[in-house]
Amino acid sequence: MKKVISVLLLACMLLTLTACGAETPAAEPTAEPAEATDAPAEANEAPAEAAETEYKLGMGVSVSLDSSDTNHAQVDATVATVVTDSEGKIVLCRIDCAQNKMDVTGGQVDAAATFTTKRDLKYDYNMVKYSNATLEWFEQVENLEKWVVGKTAEDIKNIETKINEEGYSVAVDEELYASCSISLEAFQDAIVKACNDEKGSTFTTADAFTLGVSAISNAAESVSAADSDDGNAMVKMYTEFGAAAVGSDGKILAALTDAIQPKITVSADGEILNKDFTATKRELGDDYNMVKYGNAIAEWDAQAKAFADYTVGMTADEVSAMETTEHNGHDVTVDETLFASCTMDITGMRATIATAANNAR
């Protein structure tokens, strides 16, 4: 009997200890259980659209006439276009160079000369064949384009360089130098200008996009010494530039255009008398004086921006096919809306932006 009572007392004690050990009571249900469905709730919701991001398209040009010498006129114009993000970091970069040369022996010029950019020459530029280079110019530049992604204007400006045996400013960074051993000075100048382009164009997109650049040159306005009023030749190797960010559907998201008009005066003996270049047309702004001396409705940079903005949403083929009409000796747009803000000849701008869009990669 005592054993039975002892067992009952022990059981009561164990039940009491167990109850005291449950410090947190079970939570009361706060809602009715969800009804069963054929699929999880999130599977029935529309997928969230990717947020659009704002970018800026910029372009910069670095120009040198320093290689001009007796019987030889030369203009080197390096153009860079970049897309930067909200932090000023480079997302994409594209570079080309219009290295325009002309034999001016005896003060003669070739106004019908045609020019091909270094990128378009590709292997025919012959950097490997005639130098110690292991890669052609366009290959080295493509390596540089990749290397600058994620960097800012300050980063590019402050790339450490050294003067090599040939007198060129090359990268100290071993990784960069291994893939791009050519002179960086003009590239740095053009890329920094592009990053800091106050006249750049912003655009927003949630999709992938590509970037293209172009440079188209001619010497049509050049005059030989024998045909000039002062007995000196005038070499005018002018270049127009284009840049275009292109969406995955092939339509332009943003575009820019610019131009240079360098002038090299050459004597009848082929001596270089003067090299004249101040800035690009966009950089000159109001100082280009189209309004002052040409009765234009706006300066060149403003009209060029109006044209570039008008191409947004168009494909390269549609830009090339823009209809024009002759007006005061120039091919102007027939579109009344565009003509209200751009009354100047659109031939060159149309070609450079279409070419840039076609070059996008």
Protein backbone atom coordinates (compact mmCIF):
# COMPACT_ATOMS: atom_id res chain seq x y z
CA MET A 1 0.00 0.00 0.00
CA LYS A 2 2.86 2.35 0.90
CA LYS A 3 4.48 1.56 -2.43
CA VAL A 4 1.32 2.52 -4.33
CA ILE A 5 1.08 5.85 -2.50
CA SER A 6 4.76 6.56 -3.18
CA VAL A 7 4.31 5.93 -6.90
CA LEU A 8 1.28 8.23 -7.04
CA LEU A 9 3.18 11.02 -5.21
CA LEU A 10 6.16 10.68 -7.58
CA ALA A 11 3.89 10.94 -10.63
CA CYS A 12 2.27 14.10 -9.28
CA MET A 13 5.69 15.69 -8.71
CA LEU A 14 6.80 14.94 -12.28
CA LEU A 15 3.64 16.48 -13.72
CA THR A 16 4.16 19.61 -11.62
CA LEU A 17 7.82 20.02 -12.76
CA THR A 18 6.87 19.60 -16.42
CA ALA A 19 4.23 22.33 -16.20
CA CYS A 20 6.69 24.74 -14.53
CA GLY A 21 9.27 24.22 -17.34
CA ALA A 22 7.03 25.61 -20.18
CA GLU A 23 8.05 29.26 -19.87
CA THR A 24 6.34 30.42 -23.14
CA PRO A 25 2.78 29.34 -23.74
CA ALA A 26 1.79 28.22 -27.18
CA ALA A 27 0.63 31.13 -29.34
CA GLU A 28 -3.06 31.45 -30.03
CA PRO A 29 -3.97 31.27 -33.73
CA THR A 30 -4.54 34.82 -35.07
CA ALA A 31 -6.19 34.00 -38.38
CA GLU A 32 -8.05 31.29 -40.17
CA PRO A 33 -5.73 28.94 -42.08
CA ALA A 34 -5.31 29.84 -45.75
CA GLU A 35 -7.39 27.87 -48.20
CA ALA A 36 -5.52 25.44 -50.35
CA THR A 37 -4.85 26.62 -53.92
CA ASP A 38 -3.67 24.87 -57.04
CA ALA A 39 -0.39 26.89 -57.01
CA PRO A 40 1.60 28.96 -54.49
CA ALA A 41 0.35 32.54 -54.12
CA GLU A 42 3.47 34.05 -55.73
CA ALA A 43 3.01 31.87 -58.80
CA ASN A 44 -0.33 33.57 -59.44
CA GLU A 45 1.22 37.08 -59.41
CA ALA A 46 2.63 38.86 -62.50
CA PRO A 47 6.46 38.94 -62.44
CA ALA A 48 7.87 42.30 -61.38
CA GLU A 49 9.30 44.38 -64.22
CA ALA A 50 12.99 45.26 -64.08
CA ALA A 51 13.49 48.80 -62.84
CA GLU A 52 14.68 51.31 -65.42
CA THR A 53 18.11 52.79 -64.86
CA GLU A 54 19.30 56.22 -65.99
CA TYR A 55 22.51 56.53 -67.98
CA LYS A 56 24.38 59.32 -69.74
CA LEU A 57 25.89 59.18 -73.21
CA GLY A 58 28.94 61.40 -73.66
CA MET A 59 31.49 62.00 -76.40
CA GLY A 60 34.96 63.54 -76.42
CA VAL A 61 37.48 64.32 -79.16
CA SER A 62 41.23 64.82 -78.82
CA VAL A 63 42.88 66.53 -81.81
CA SER A 64 46.53 66.93 -82.79
CA LEU A 65 48.12 68.53 -85.85
CA ASP A 66 51.65 68.02 -84.50
CA SER A 67 52.65 65.36 -87.04
CA SER A 68 52.31 67.82 -89.93
CA ASP A 69 55.69 68.62 -91.50
CA THR A 70 57.20 69.76 -94.78
CA ASN A 71 55.27 68.23 -97.70
CA HIS A 72 53.04 66.41 -95.28
CA ALA A 73 49.78 67.50 -93.62
CA GLN A 74 48.25 65.34 -90.90
CA VAL A 75 45.33 65.53 -88.50
CA ASP A 76 44.94 62.96 -85.73
CA ALA A 77 41.48 63.02 -84.16
CA THR A 78 40.80 60.45 -81.45
CA VAL A 79 37.12 60.12 -80.54
CA ALA A 80 35.71 58.32 -77.51
CA THR A 81 32.12 57.79 -76.51
CA VAL A 82 31.07 56.44 -73.14
CA VAL A 83 27.93 55.51 -71.28
CA THR A 84 28.17 56.28 -67.57
CA ASP A 85 25.87 55.38 -64.69
CA SER A 86 24.49 57.58 -61.90
CA GLU A 87 27.83 57.36 -60.06
CA GLY A 88 29.81 58.50 -63.07
CA LYS A 89 31.27 55.06 -63.65
CA ILE A 90 31.84 53.87 -67.20
CA VAL A 91 29.42 51.18 -68.35
CA LEU A 92 30.53 51.02 -71.99
CA CYS A 93 33.29 52.74 -73.98
CA ARG A 94 34.03 52.87 -77.71
CA ILE A 95 37.05 54.52 -79.36
CA ASP A 96 38.22 55.31 -82.89
CA CYS A 97 40.80 57.55 -84.53
CA ALA A 98 40.65 59.51 -87.78
CA GLN A 99 44.33 59.73 -88.73
CA ASN A 100 44.07 61.82 -91.89
CA LYS A 101 47.21 62.36 -93.97
CA MET A 102 47.89 64.25 -97.20
CA ASP A 103 50.97 64.69 -99.35
CA VAL A 104 51.26 68.44 -100.02
CA THR A 105 54.50 68.46 -102.00
CA GLY A 106 54.69 71.60 -104.12
CA GLY A 107 51.61 73.00 -102.43
CA GLN A 108 49.38 70.49 -104.17
CA VAL A 109 46.35 69.04 -102.37
CA ASP A 110 43.94 66.21 -103.10
CA ALA A 111 40.45 67.52 -102.49
CA ALA A 112 39.01 64.16 -103.55
CA ALA A 113 40.98 62.23 -100.94
CA THR A 114 39.14 59.58 -98.97
CA PHE A 115 39.98 58.51 -95.44
CA THR A 116 39.50 55.37 -93.34
CA THR A 117 39.63 55.33 -89.55
CA LYS A 118 42.09 53.14 -87.68
CA ARG A 119 39.29 50.89 -86.44
CA ASP A 120 37.88 50.45 -89.92
CA LEU A 121 41.35 49.61 -91.26
CA LYS A 122 41.61 46.78 -88.71
CA TYR A 123 44.51 44.51 -89.77
CA ASP A 124 45.37 46.77 -92.71
CA TYR A 125 46.60 49.38 -90.25
CA ASN A 126 49.69 47.13 -90.09
CA MET A 127 50.82 47.98 -86.58
CA VAL A 128 52.06 44.42 -86.07
CA LYS A 129 53.82 44.30 -89.44
CA TYR A 130 55.77 47.54 -89.04
CA SER A 131 56.40 47.68 -85.30
CA ASN A 132 57.07 45.48 -82.31
CA ALA A 133 53.35 45.35 -81.47
CA THR A 134 51.83 41.95 -80.82
CA LEU A 135 48.27 43.14 -81.43
CA GLU A 136 46.76 45.46 -84.03
CA TRP A 137 45.54 48.92 -83.05
CA PHE A 138 41.86 47.98 -82.95
CA GLU A 139 42.58 44.92 -80.81
CA GLN A 140 44.56 46.93 -78.27
CA VAL A 141 41.88 49.60 -78.17
CA GLU A 142 39.17 47.00 -77.55
CA ASN A 143 41.22 45.79 -74.58
CA LEU A 144 41.39 49.37 -73.29
CA GLU A 145 37.63 49.77 -73.75
CA LYS A 146 37.07 46.76 -71.51
CA TRP A 147 39.65 47.89 -68.95
CA VAL A 148 38.03 51.30 -68.35
CA VAL A 149 34.60 49.82 -67.49
CA GLY A 150 33.74 50.58 -63.87
CA LYS A 151 36.15 53.50 -63.71
CA THR A 152 35.44 57.24 -63.45
CA ALA A 153 36.84 60.25 -65.28
CA GLU A 154 39.27 60.80 -62.41
CA ASP A 155 40.43 57.21 -62.61
CA ILE A 156 41.15 57.58 -66.34
CA LYS A 157 42.83 60.95 -65.89
CA ASN A 158 45.10 59.51 -63.21
CA ILE A 159 46.24 56.38 -65.06
CA GLU A 160 49.92 56.21 -64.28
CA THR A 161 52.08 56.33 -67.40
CA LYS A 162 55.75 56.35 -68.37
CA ILE A 163 57.65 57.35 -71.50
CA ASN A 164 58.90 54.31 -73.41
CA GLU A 165 61.94 54.03 -75.69
CA GLU A 166 59.96 55.35 -78.66
CA GLY A 167 58.86 58.41 -76.71
CA TYR A 168 55.26 57.32 -76.19
CA SER A 169 53.27 57.64 -72.96
CA VAL A 170 52.35 54.05 -72.04
CA ALA A 171 50.71 52.39 -69.05
CA VAL A 172 52.69 51.51 -65.94
CA ASP A 173 50.01 49.04 -64.86
CA GLU A 174 51.29 45.64 -65.99
CA GLU A 175 47.84 44.17 -66.60
CA LEU A 176 46.80 47.06 -68.85
CA TYR A 177 50.17 47.25 -70.60
CA ALA A 178 50.05 43.53 -71.40
CA SER A 179 46.93 44.07 -73.52
CA CYS A 180 47.37 47.71 -74.61
CA SER A 181 50.94 48.88 -75.04
CA ILE A 182 50.26 51.89 -77.29
CA SER A 183 50.34 55.53 -76.26
CA LEU A 184 47.49 56.40 -73.90
CA GLU A 185 47.59 60.20 -73.90
CA ALA A 186 44.99 60.89 -76.60
CA PHE A 187 42.74 58.10 -75.29
CA GLN A 188 42.81 59.50 -71.78
CA ASP A 189 42.00 62.99 -73.04
CA ALA A 190 39.07 61.82 -75.19
CA ILE A 191 37.61 59.47 -72.54
CA VAL A 192 37.80 62.08 -69.77
CA LYS A 193 36.07 64.60 -72.04
CA ALA A 194 33.37 62.04 -72.82
CA CYS A 195 32.80 61.27 -69.14
CA ASN A 196 32.55 64.98 -68.30
CA ASP A 197 30.47 65.89 -71.36
CA GLU A 198 28.10 68.61 -70.17
CA LYS A 199 26.26 68.42 -73.49
CA GLY A 200 25.76 64.68 -73.26
CA SER A 201 22.40 62.97 -73.50
CA THR A 202 20.63 61.01 -70.76
CA PHE A 203 18.42 57.99 -71.32
CA THR A 204 16.69 55.34 -69.23
CA THR A 205 16.28 51.66 -69.93
CA ALA A 206 15.82 48.39 -68.13
CA ASP A 207 17.18 46.36 -71.03
CA ALA A 208 20.64 45.59 -72.36
CA PHE A 209 22.08 48.00 -74.91
CA THR A 210 25.12 48.46 -77.11
CA LEU A 211 27.27 51.46 -78.03
CA GLY A 212 28.79 52.66 -81.28
CA VAL A 213 31.02 55.48 -82.51
CA SER A 214 31.91 56.81 -85.95
CA ALA A 215 34.22 59.28 -87.67
CA ILE A 216 33.73 60.34 -91.30
CA SER A 217 36.24 62.65 -93.01
CA ASN A 218 36.65 64.49 -96.30
CA ALA A 219 38.97 67.08 -97.83
CA ALA A 220 36.50 68.58 -100.28
CA GLU A 221 37.17 72.20 -99.30
CA SER A 222 40.96 71.93 -99.63
CA VAL A 223 42.64 74.25 -102.17
CA SER A 224 46.03 73.88 -103.87
CA ALA A 225 48.51 76.76 -103.80
CA ALA A 226 48.16 77.30 -107.55
CA ASP A 227 44.40 77.82 -107.19
CA SER A 228 44.41 80.08 -104.14
CA ASP A 229 44.29 83.86 -103.92
CA ASP A 230 47.37 84.18 -101.72
CA GLY A 231 49.55 81.54 -103.36
CA ASN A 232 49.35 79.17 -100.41
CA ALA A 233 47.57 75.84 -100.20
CA MET A 234 44.85 75.31 -97.63
CA VAL A 235 44.36 71.75 -96.37
CA LYS A 236 40.95 71.18 -94.80
CA MET A 237 40.61 67.59 -93.66
CA TYR A 238 37.31 67.91 -91.83
CA THR A 239 35.81 65.14 -89.72
CA GLU A 240 32.31 64.58 -88.36
CA PHE A 241 31.68 62.24 -85.42
CA GLY A 242 28.70 60.26 -84.23
CA ALA A 243 27.80 58.27 -81.13
CA ALA A 244 24.76 56.12 -80.49
CA ALA A 245 23.48 53.93 -77.67
CA VAL A 246 21.26 51.25 -79.21
CA GLY A 247 18.65 49.08 -77.52
CA SER A 248 18.21 45.34 -78.02
CA ASP A 249 15.47 46.13 -80.57
CA GLY A 250 17.94 48.04 -82.75
CA LYS A 251 16.43 51.43 -81.93
CA ILE A 252 18.53 54.39 -80.84
CA LEU A 253 18.25 55.26 -77.15
CA ALA A 254 20.50 58.33 -77.31
CA ALA A 255 22.74 59.93 -79.91
CA LEU A 256 25.35 62.67 -80.26
CA THR A 257 27.21 64.28 -83.13
CA ASP A 258 30.18 66.65 -83.36
CA ALA A 259 32.62 67.97 -85.96
CA ILE A 260 36.08 69.49 -86.37
CA GLN A 261 37.38 71.90 -89.01
CA PRO A 262 41.19 72.02 -88.70
CA LYS A 263 43.05 74.10 -91.28
CA ILE A 264 46.67 73.67 -92.33
CA THR A 265 48.27 76.37 -94.49
CA VAL A 266 51.00 75.14 -96.82
CA SER A 267 53.35 77.20 -99.02
CA ALA A 268 53.90 76.56 -102.72
CA ASP A 269 57.10 74.78 -101.66
CA GLY A 270 55.25 72.39 -99.35
CA GLU A 271 56.30 74.14 -96.14
CA ILE A 272 53.80 74.10 -93.30
CA LEU A 273 53.07 77.76 -92.56
CA ASN A 274 50.24 77.50 -90.05
CA LYS A 275 48.22 74.88 -88.17
CA ASP A 276 44.85 76.15 -87.00
CA PHE A 277 42.52 74.31 -84.66
CA THR A 278 40.70 75.61 -81.60
CA ALA A 279 37.97 73.18 -80.57
CA THR A 280 35.17 71.00 -81.88
CA LYS A 281 31.93 72.64 -82.99
CA ARG A 282 30.13 71.43 -79.87
CA GLU A 283 32.93 72.72 -77.67
CA LEU A 284 32.88 76.11 -79.39
CA GLY A 285 29.19 76.55 -78.62
CA ASP A 286 28.16 80.16 -79.17
CA ASP A 287 31.70 81.00 -80.32
CA TYR A 288 31.11 79.07 -83.52
CA ASN A 289 29.14 82.19 -84.53
CA MET A 290 26.61 80.54 -86.80
CA VAL A 291 23.94 82.90 -85.51
CA LYS A 292 26.11 86.00 -85.79
CA TYR A 293 27.43 85.39 -89.29
CA GLY A 294 24.92 83.00 -90.82
CA ASN A 295 21.53 84.28 -89.62
CA ALA A 296 20.92 80.81 -88.17
CA ILE A 297 18.00 80.17 -85.84
CA ALA A 298 20.40 78.64 -83.28
CA GLU A 299 24.08 77.78 -82.92
CA TRP A 300 25.51 74.63 -84.44
CA ASP A 301 25.66 72.72 -81.14
CA ALA A 302 21.99 73.42 -80.37
CA GLN A 303 20.83 72.40 -83.85
CA ALA A 304 23.03 69.30 -83.77
CA LYS A 305 21.49 68.29 -80.44
CA ALA A 306 18.00 68.78 -81.86
CA PHE A 307 18.89 66.50 -84.75
CA ALA A 308 20.50 63.85 -82.53
CA ASP A 309 17.51 63.85 -80.16
CA TYR A 310 15.18 63.46 -83.13
CA THR A 311 16.85 60.16 -84.07
CA VAL A 312 15.94 58.56 -80.72
CA GLY A 313 13.58 55.65 -81.35
CA MET A 314 14.82 55.20 -84.93
CA THR A 315 16.96 52.42 -86.38
CA ALA A 316 20.17 53.03 -88.31
CA ASP A 317 18.34 52.35 -91.58
CA GLU A 318 15.60 54.81 -90.70
CA VAL A 319 18.16 57.51 -89.94
CA SER A 320 19.93 56.86 -93.25
CA ALA A 321 16.60 57.08 -95.06
CA MET A 322 15.58 60.45 -93.61
CA GLU A 323 14.19 62.52 -96.44
CA THR A 324 15.79 65.86 -97.35
CA THR A 325 15.15 68.74 -99.68
CA GLU A 326 17.47 71.36 -101.13
CA HIS A 327 17.36 74.72 -99.34
CA ASN A 328 19.90 77.49 -100.01
CA GLY A 329 22.31 74.92 -101.38
CA HIS A 330 21.99 72.55 -98.43
CA ASP A 331 20.17 69.27 -97.88
CA VAL A 332 17.76 69.96 -95.04
CA THR A 333 15.06 67.82 -93.48
CA VAL A 334 11.57 67.80 -94.93
CA ASP A 335 10.11 67.11 -91.49
CA GLU A 336 8.54 70.34 -90.27
CA THR A 337 8.94 69.50 -86.59
CA LEU A 338 12.68 68.85 -86.96
CA PHE A 339 13.18 71.79 -89.33
CA ALA A 340 11.78 74.12 -86.67
CA SER A 341 14.86 73.40 -84.53
CA CYS A 342 17.41 72.25 -87.11
CA THR A 343 17.57 74.15 -90.39
CA MET A 344 21.17 73.29 -91.30
CA ASP A 345 22.42 70.58 -93.66
CA ILE A 346 21.84 67.17 -92.08
CA THR A 347 23.86 65.07 -94.56
CA GLY A 348 26.90 64.59 -92.35
CA MET A 349 25.01 64.21 -89.08
CA ARG A 350 22.67 61.68 -90.63
CA ALA A 351 25.61 59.62 -91.87
CA THR A 352 27.62 59.71 -88.65
CA ILE A 353 24.75 58.75 -86.35
CA ALA A 354 23.55 55.99 -88.69
CA THR A 355 27.10 54.66 -88.93
CA ALA A 356 27.55 54.82 -85.16
CA ALA A 357 24.31 52.89 -84.68
CA ASN A 358 25.46 50.27 -87.18
CA ASN A 359 28.81 50.05 -85.37
CA ALA A 360 27.15 49.47 -81.99
CA ARG A 361 28.44 46.40 -80.16
